[in-house]
Protein backbone atom coordinates (compact mmCIF):
# COMPACT_ATOMS: atom_id res chain seq x y z
CA MET A 1 11.46 31.09 -7.99
CA LYS A 2 8.57 30.58 -5.51
CA LYS A 3 9.28 28.25 -2.76
CA ILE A 4 7.02 25.11 -2.22
CA ARG A 5 4.93 25.70 1.16
CA ALA A 6 4.89 22.67 3.26
CA VAL A 7 3.44 21.70 6.56
CA VAL A 8 4.50 18.85 8.80
CA ILE A 9 1.92 16.61 10.69
CA ASP A 10 3.49 14.19 13.19
CA ASP A 11 2.39 13.39 16.84
CA GLU A 12 6.13 13.51 18.11
CA PHE A 13 7.47 16.97 18.92
CA TYR A 14 10.95 15.97 18.01
CA ASN A 15 10.04 14.52 14.68
CA ARG A 16 8.16 17.66 13.65
CA GLY A 17 11.25 19.81 14.48
CA LEU A 18 13.65 17.44 12.92
CA ILE A 19 11.75 17.22 9.70
CA SER A 20 11.29 20.88 9.42
CA LYS A 21 14.94 21.51 9.84
CA LEU A 22 16.14 18.73 7.47
CA VAL A 23 13.68 19.65 4.71
CA VAL A 24 14.79 23.43 4.53
CA LYS A 25 18.39 22.24 4.85
CA SER A 26 18.33 19.67 2.17
CA HIS A 27 16.51 21.83 -0.51
CA THR A 28 16.22 25.51 -0.82
CA GLY A 29 13.04 25.27 -2.88
CA PHE A 30 10.98 24.34 0.30
CA GLU A 31 9.70 26.26 3.21
CA ILE A 32 7.84 24.88 6.32
CA ILE A 33 4.81 27.10 7.17
CA GLY A 34 3.18 25.22 10.01
CA THR A 35 3.30 21.95 12.11
CA ALA A 36 0.46 19.95 13.69
CA GLU A 37 0.55 17.04 16.07
CA ASP A 38 -2.69 15.11 15.33
CA MET A 39 -5.28 14.46 12.80
CA GLU A 40 -7.80 17.18 13.73
CA GLU A 41 -5.08 19.81 14.34
CA GLY A 42 -3.56 18.80 10.94
CA PHE A 43 -7.00 19.17 9.21
CA GLU A 44 -7.35 22.60 10.59
CA LEU A 45 -3.85 23.62 9.60
CA ILE A 46 -4.13 22.47 6.11
CA ASN A 47 -7.49 24.20 5.49
CA SER A 48 -6.07 27.27 6.99
CA VAL A 49 -2.77 27.79 5.26
CA LYS A 50 -3.49 25.80 2.01
CA PRO A 51 0.00 24.12 1.74
CA ASP A 52 1.34 22.79 -1.50
CA LEU A 53 2.92 19.79 0.34
CA VAL A 54 2.08 17.80 3.45
CA PHE A 55 4.67 15.69 5.33
CA LEU A 56 2.26 13.28 6.96
CA ASP A 57 2.92 10.68 9.67
CA ILE A 58 0.87 7.61 9.37
CA LYS A 59 0.16 6.37 13.02
CA MET A 60 -1.03 8.98 15.32
CA PRO A 61 -3.45 9.06 18.22
CA GLY A 62 -6.92 9.91 17.40
CA GLY A 63 -6.74 9.01 13.73
CA SER A 64 -4.20 8.00 11.16
CA GLY A 65 -2.71 9.88 8.20
CA PHE A 66 -4.96 7.87 6.04
CA ASP A 67 -7.99 9.11 8.12
CA LEU A 68 -6.94 12.63 7.75
CA LEU A 69 -6.61 12.29 3.86
CA ARG A 70 -10.23 10.69 3.82
CA LYS A 71 -11.49 13.99 5.32
CA PHE A 72 -10.74 15.87 1.94
CA GLU A 73 -13.12 15.17 -0.87
CA THR A 74 -10.45 16.28 -3.36
CA PRO A 75 -6.97 16.76 -1.99
CA PHE A 76 -5.31 19.99 -3.18
CA PHE A 77 -1.90 19.10 -1.92
CA GLU A 78 0.83 16.71 -2.47
CA VAL A 79 1.89 14.21 0.27
CA VAL A 80 5.09 12.81 1.47
CA PHE A 81 4.33 10.05 4.10
CA VAL A 82 6.59 9.88 7.08
CA THR A 83 6.61 6.33 8.27
CA GLY A 84 8.28 3.74 10.61
CA PHE A 85 6.58 0.75 8.97
CA ASP A 86 8.26 -2.32 7.89
CA GLU A 87 9.46 -3.37 4.55
CA TYR A 88 6.10 -4.82 3.51
CA ALA A 89 4.48 -1.34 3.95
CA ILE A 90 7.34 0.25 2.11
CA GLN A 91 6.90 -1.98 -1.03
CA ALA A 92 3.06 -1.25 -0.68
CA PHE A 93 3.83 2.57 -0.99
CA GLU A 94 6.19 2.05 -3.93
CA PHE A 95 3.64 -0.20 -5.61
CA ASN A 96 1.27 2.79 -5.50
CA ALA A 97 3.82 5.36 -6.43
CA LEU A 98 3.65 7.05 -3.04
CA ASP A 99 6.43 9.38 -1.80
CA TYR A 100 7.77 8.54 1.63
CA ILE A 101 10.55 9.12 4.16
CA LEU A 102 11.39 6.34 6.64
CA LYS A 103 12.05 6.79 10.26
CA PRO A 104 14.86 7.15 11.33
CA ILE A 105 15.29 9.77 8.55
CA ASP A 106 17.97 9.08 6.14
CA THR A 107 19.22 12.54 4.71
CA ALA A 108 20.34 11.04 1.31
CA LYS A 109 16.74 9.46 0.93
CA LEU A 110 15.09 12.71 2.04
CA GLU A 111 17.06 14.70 -0.50
CA LYS A 112 16.08 12.32 -3.31
CA THR A 113 12.35 12.48 -2.37
CA LEU A 114 12.45 16.23 -2.05
CA ASN A 115 14.04 16.46 -5.52
CA LYS A 116 11.45 14.18 -6.91
CA VAL A 117 8.54 16.20 -5.30
CA PHE A 118 9.88 19.52 -6.38
CA HIS A 119 10.13 18.25 -10.00
CA ARG A 120 6.65 17.06 -9.97
CA ILE A 121 5.05 20.13 -8.56
CA TYR A 122 6.85 22.65 -10.71
CA ASN A 123 6.06 20.45 -13.85
CA GLN A 124 2.45 20.12 -12.73
CA LEU A 125 2.86 16.22 -12.67
CA SER A 126 0.57 15.96 -9.69
CA ILE A 127 -0.79 12.62 -8.43
CA THR A 128 -3.27 14.31 -6.04
CA ASP A 129 -6.11 13.01 -8.39
CA ASN A 130 -5.17 9.54 -7.29
CA LEU A 131 -4.70 10.26 -3.53
CA LYS A 132 -8.30 9.66 -2.68
CA GLU A 133 -8.42 6.33 -4.34
CA ILE A 134 -5.17 5.39 -2.63
CA THR A 135 -6.53 6.02 0.81
CA LYS A 136 -9.07 3.27 0.13
CA LEU A 137 -6.32 0.51 -0.21
CA TYR A 138 -5.33 0.66 3.41
CA HIS A 139 -7.02 -0.53 6.60
CA VAL A 140 -7.71 2.39 9.16
CA ASN A 141 -4.78 3.19 11.17
CA SER A 142 -2.73 0.53 9.52
CA SER A 143 -0.14 -0.12 6.82
CA GLU A 144 -1.98 -3.29 5.70
CA LEU A 145 -3.41 -3.32 2.35
CA SER A 146 -7.22 -4.02 2.29
CA LYS A 147 -7.68 -3.61 -1.37
CA ILE A 148 -5.34 -3.87 -4.41
CA PRO A 149 -5.63 -1.93 -7.60
CA ILE A 150 -5.99 -4.23 -10.67
CA HIS A 151 -5.62 -2.41 -14.05
CA VAL A 152 -8.25 -3.88 -16.37
CA LYS A 153 -8.19 -2.37 -19.78
CA ASP A 154 -8.97 1.27 -19.35
CA LYS A 155 -10.30 0.92 -15.77
CA VAL A 156 -8.71 0.36 -12.26
CA VAL A 157 -10.52 -2.10 -10.14
CA LEU A 158 -10.11 -1.96 -6.36
CA LEU A 159 -10.32 -5.58 -5.58
CA THR A 160 -10.90 -6.34 -1.93
CA ILE A 161 -8.09 -8.72 -1.02
CA ASN A 162 -10.08 -10.94 1.34
CA ASP A 163 -12.60 -11.52 -1.53
CA ILE A 164 -9.82 -13.00 -3.78
CA ILE A 165 -9.94 -16.74 -4.01
CA SER A 166 -7.04 -17.35 -6.30
CA ILE A 167 -4.31 -15.69 -8.13
CA GLN A 168 -2.68 -17.39 -11.17
CA SER A 169 0.19 -16.44 -13.43
CA GLU A 170 -0.87 -16.87 -17.08
CA ASN A 171 1.42 -16.10 -20.10
CA GLY A 172 3.22 -13.19 -18.35
CA TYR A 173 -0.18 -11.73 -16.90
CA THR A 174 -1.89 -12.51 -13.66
CA VAL A 175 -5.41 -13.61 -13.20
CA PHE A 176 -7.32 -12.87 -10.14
CA THR A 177 -10.53 -14.80 -9.31
CA ASP A 178 -12.94 -13.53 -6.51
CA ILE A 179 -15.60 -15.36 -4.58
CA HIS A 180 -18.26 -14.42 -7.06
CA SER A 181 -16.19 -16.20 -9.88
CA ASN A 182 -15.32 -12.86 -11.38
CA LYS A 183 -11.99 -12.92 -13.15
CA TYR A 184 -9.64 -9.90 -13.52
CA LEU A 185 -6.74 -10.03 -15.92
CA SER A 186 -3.77 -7.86 -14.84
CA SER A 187 -1.04 -6.73 -17.22
CA LYS A 188 1.45 -6.95 -14.30
CA SER A 189 3.21 -10.31 -13.66
CA LEU A 190 2.70 -12.48 -10.56
CA TYR A 191 6.18 -11.56 -9.51
CA ASP A 192 4.91 -7.91 -9.05
CA PHE A 193 2.36 -9.03 -6.47
CA GLU A 194 4.37 -11.53 -4.43
CA PHE A 195 5.37 -8.97 -1.72
CA ILE A 196 1.65 -8.54 -1.04
CA PHE A 197 0.47 -12.22 -0.87
CA ASP A 198 3.61 -13.55 0.77
CA ALA A 199 2.83 -11.23 3.71
CA ILE A 200 -0.67 -12.28 4.15
CA PRO A 201 -0.85 -15.54 6.29
CA HIS A 202 -4.03 -17.05 4.75
CA PHE A 203 -2.84 -16.87 1.22
CA VAL A 204 -0.83 -20.07 0.34
CA ARG A 205 1.45 -20.43 -2.62
CA LEU A 206 0.74 -23.87 -4.15
CA HIS A 207 3.69 -23.72 -6.55
CA LYS A 208 5.38 -20.88 -8.50
CA GLY A 209 2.39 -19.69 -10.51
CA ILE A 210 -0.52 -20.01 -8.04
CA TYR A 211 -1.73 -18.53 -4.69
CA VAL A 212 -4.99 -19.48 -3.07
CA ASN A 213 -6.83 -18.12 -0.20
CA SER A 214 -6.99 -20.73 2.53
CA ASN A 215 -10.27 -19.34 3.79
CA TYR A 216 -11.82 -20.78 0.70
CA VAL A 217 -10.36 -24.23 0.67
CA LYS A 218 -13.30 -26.72 0.35
CA HIS A 219 -11.26 -30.01 0.60
CA TYR A 220 -7.99 -31.54 -0.34
CA THR A 221 -6.56 -34.85 -1.06
CA LYS A 222 -3.63 -36.49 0.84
CA GLY A 223 -2.34 -38.88 -1.73
CA GLN A 224 0.89 -38.90 -3.67
CA ILE A 225 -0.61 -36.16 -5.68
CA CYS A 226 -2.15 -33.49 -3.55
CA ILE A 227 -5.28 -31.69 -5.14
CA ILE A 228 -6.85 -28.74 -3.53
CA THR A 229 -10.53 -27.86 -4.36
CA LEU A 230 -11.76 -24.34 -3.55
CA THR A 231 -15.42 -23.38 -2.79
CA ASP A 232 -15.92 -22.28 -6.33
CA ASN A 233 -14.91 -26.00 -7.29
CA SER A 234 -11.78 -24.83 -9.13
CA THR A 235 -8.96 -27.39 -8.38
CA PHE A 236 -5.16 -26.97 -8.22
CA GLU A 237 -2.32 -29.45 -7.91
CA VAL A 238 0.15 -28.80 -4.98
CA SER A 239 3.93 -28.74 -5.81
CA ARG A 240 5.37 -31.99 -4.48
CA ARG A 241 8.25 -29.74 -3.00
CA LYS A 242 5.71 -27.79 -1.00
CA LYS A 243 3.22 -30.60 -0.25
CA THR A 244 4.31 -31.34 3.47
CA GLU A 245 4.50 -27.60 4.28
CA ILE A 246 1.16 -26.76 2.76
CA LEU A 247 -0.62 -29.77 4.28
CA ALA A 248 0.87 -28.99 7.76
CA PHE A 249 -0.60 -25.40 7.39
CA LEU A 250 -4.11 -26.57 6.17
CA ASP A 251 -4.17 -29.17 9.07
CA LYS A 252 -3.20 -26.59 11.60
CA ASN A 253 -5.66 -24.16 10.51
CA LYS A 254 -8.44 -26.83 10.39
CA VAL A 255 -9.43 -26.49 6.76
């Protein structure tokens, strides 16, 4: 059986050698045919050897792994991200069905990832068609999501997170409202999006079923019942349990 030809792009010499060694040791179906230490060298290497798979570091001097992927109009290779990012970023990768290995490298996780990628490549279950779109979801040289994919009927809308004014749970679905009063209904539950909005400081959870973007709070009441009004004139009642916490946050940020 023909081996899967892979390259390793990582700015650390030690990591390039370690990944190369562990990959061929963990799975006989892979071979490493080249390594590179930065975005430009990686771009040249990929175009030169045409690998089936790229092990790609995210944060590198001179340009991130996402910057490198943006240089390809249509990626012709699979990608396994190599990352030292925190739990938030890892959940973001999993949310978008991205393969990754975490630094420091866990051999059991690496073997599981290699088996998954091997199966996908040999069964032609490639996700490279989505790779170009996935790179749009992240800020340059960062793990932070800038856009979120919302599946609306037969389309995927890439909604800019900072343009979202509110997120509401509705009968098991999630409704996103943007600054232009457009509404997007996702078949995913609000629970599926919690890890994203809990990690963004200017999104405030008013109660179990609603997040609002504090950048768009117009005013709020301080009575026994706290009502928040957003710039689109929508209103939401704050959970009594969270009232003190939320008002303190809004006062601190001078809303």
